[in-house]
Protein backbone atom coordinates (compact mmCIF):
# COMPACT_ATOMS: atom_id res chain seq x y z
CA MET A 1 13.01 -29.29 0.75
CA THR A 2 13.32 -26.42 -1.68
CA THR A 3 10.55 -24.71 -3.44
CA ASP A 4 12.90 -23.62 -6.21
CA THR A 5 10.80 -25.49 -8.83
CA LEU A 6 7.48 -23.89 -7.85
CA THR A 7 6.40 -20.94 -9.87
CA THR A 8 3.23 -18.96 -9.96
CA LEU A 9 1.17 -17.00 -12.51
CA PRO A 10 -0.81 -13.81 -11.92
CA ASN A 11 -4.49 -14.37 -11.11
CA LYS A 12 -6.34 -12.18 -13.53
CA ASN A 13 -9.59 -12.93 -11.55
CA ALA A 14 -8.20 -12.07 -8.08
CA LYS A 15 -11.33 -10.01 -7.15
CA ARG A 16 -13.53 -13.10 -7.39
CA ASP A 17 -13.56 -16.02 -5.17
CA TYR A 18 -13.38 -19.34 -7.02
CA GLU A 19 -11.98 -22.82 -6.28
CA ILE A 20 -9.39 -24.80 -8.09
CA GLU A 21 -8.89 -28.61 -7.71
CA ILE A 22 -5.72 -30.35 -8.70
CA PHE A 23 -5.27 -34.09 -8.68
CA THR A 24 -2.38 -36.42 -9.14
CA ASP A 25 -2.12 -40.09 -8.55
CA GLU A 26 1.65 -40.22 -9.21
CA PHE A 27 3.10 -38.82 -5.96
CA THR A 28 5.82 -40.89 -4.40
CA CYS A 29 8.40 -40.58 -1.65
CA LEU A 30 10.50 -43.10 0.25
CA CYS A 31 9.60 -44.87 3.57
CA PRO A 32 11.87 -43.62 6.29
CA GLY A 33 14.15 -46.42 7.48
CA LYS A 34 13.48 -48.50 4.39
CA PRO A 35 14.68 -46.32 1.55
CA ASP A 36 14.16 -48.95 -1.07
CA GLN A 37 10.50 -49.00 -0.33
CA PRO A 38 8.43 -46.23 -2.02
CA ASP A 39 5.20 -44.91 -0.67
CA PHE A 40 2.51 -43.89 -3.22
CA ALA A 41 -0.19 -41.40 -2.70
CA THR A 42 -3.04 -39.67 -4.56
CA LEU A 43 -2.97 -36.00 -3.85
CA LYS A 44 -5.97 -33.65 -4.09
CA ILE A 45 -5.30 -29.95 -3.73
CA ILE A 46 -8.22 -27.64 -3.41
CA TYR A 47 -7.56 -23.94 -3.12
CA THR A 48 -9.11 -20.52 -3.47
CA PRO A 49 -6.46 -18.30 -5.11
CA HIS A 50 -5.71 -14.73 -4.24
CA GLU A 51 -3.15 -12.82 -6.40
CA LYS A 52 -1.27 -15.88 -7.64
CA LEU A 53 -1.97 -19.17 -9.31
CA ILE A 54 0.13 -22.36 -9.05
CA GLU A 55 1.83 -23.11 -12.39
CA LEU A 56 1.06 -26.79 -13.03
CA LYS A 57 4.27 -27.91 -14.73
CA SER A 58 6.30 -26.52 -11.84
CA LEU A 59 3.99 -28.32 -9.46
CA LYS A 60 4.72 -31.62 -11.19
CA LEU A 61 8.51 -30.97 -10.99
CA TYR A 62 8.07 -30.06 -7.26
CA PHE A 63 6.27 -33.34 -6.68
CA TYR A 64 9.01 -35.27 -8.50
CA SER A 65 11.51 -33.76 -6.03
CA TYR A 66 10.02 -36.00 -3.31
CA ARG A 67 10.71 -39.27 -5.13
CA ASN A 68 14.09 -39.92 -3.43
CA ARG A 69 13.26 -38.20 -0.12
CA GLU A 70 12.61 -40.24 3.02
CA ILE A 71 9.65 -38.68 4.70
CA TYR A 72 6.60 -39.72 6.75
CA HIS A 73 3.12 -39.35 5.23
CA GLU A 74 2.05 -36.72 7.69
CA GLU A 75 5.23 -34.65 7.27
CA ALA A 76 5.12 -34.82 3.52
CA THR A 77 1.48 -33.62 3.36
CA ASN A 78 2.12 -30.72 5.82
CA ARG A 79 5.29 -29.67 4.05
CA ILE A 80 3.58 -29.60 0.68
CA LEU A 81 0.79 -27.34 2.16
CA ASN A 82 3.42 -25.05 3.80
CA ASP A 83 5.41 -24.72 0.56
CA LEU A 84 2.35 -24.06 -1.62
CA VAL A 85 1.01 -21.47 0.84
CA GLN A 86 4.43 -19.79 0.92
CA GLU A 87 4.58 -19.59 -2.90
CA CYS A 88 1.06 -18.55 -3.88
CA ALA A 89 -0.52 -17.07 -0.68
CA PRO A 90 -4.01 -18.38 -1.36
CA ARG A 91 -7.15 -17.28 0.42
CA ALA A 92 -7.60 -20.89 1.49
CA MET A 93 -6.14 -24.37 0.69
CA CYS A 94 -6.76 -27.93 1.58
CA ILE A 95 -4.60 -30.93 0.67
CA ILE A 96 -5.80 -34.52 0.96
CA ALA A 97 -3.20 -37.13 0.64
CA ASP A 98 -4.61 -40.61 0.27
CA TRP A 99 -1.73 -43.01 0.86
CA ASN A 100 -1.62 -46.59 -0.43
CA ILE A 101 -1.88 -49.43 2.03
CA ARG A 102 1.36 -50.29 3.84
CA GLY A 103 1.50 -53.19 6.22
CA GLY A 104 -2.34 -53.53 6.13
CA ILE A 105 -2.82 -49.90 7.24
CA LYS A 106 -4.42 -47.24 5.03
CA THR A 107 -3.58 -43.60 5.76
CA ARG A 108 -5.33 -40.44 4.63
CA VAL A 109 -3.92 -37.11 5.72
CA THR A 110 -5.93 -33.84 5.34
CA VAL A 111 -4.36 -30.46 6.09
CA GLU A 112 -5.92 -26.99 5.70
CA TYR A 113 -4.88 -23.41 5.54
CA PRO A 114 -5.77 -21.10 7.26
């Protein structure tokens, strides 16, 4: 997965701790082994920025890059955290991926940095 689509903006309030919450209910990827079966998730990103902010349009394009990728729920959630931390170096970040029911099983994956 490439982070070429992710861009950041300077945080003009970097000396102050504050929290940003970002939501999307349009995240999709493909179920491994069944590439014609999409998996849907609602993502919640909560982060305390440092020097950089995540630019939202680029985040949307980054999310779209997963649409044709076969990846497990846990791996997708962890990879998103890794990529966002790499790009914006926040003070703290948490991602909650609330996956739709598949086969009668509901999955929610929460990952945190640091």
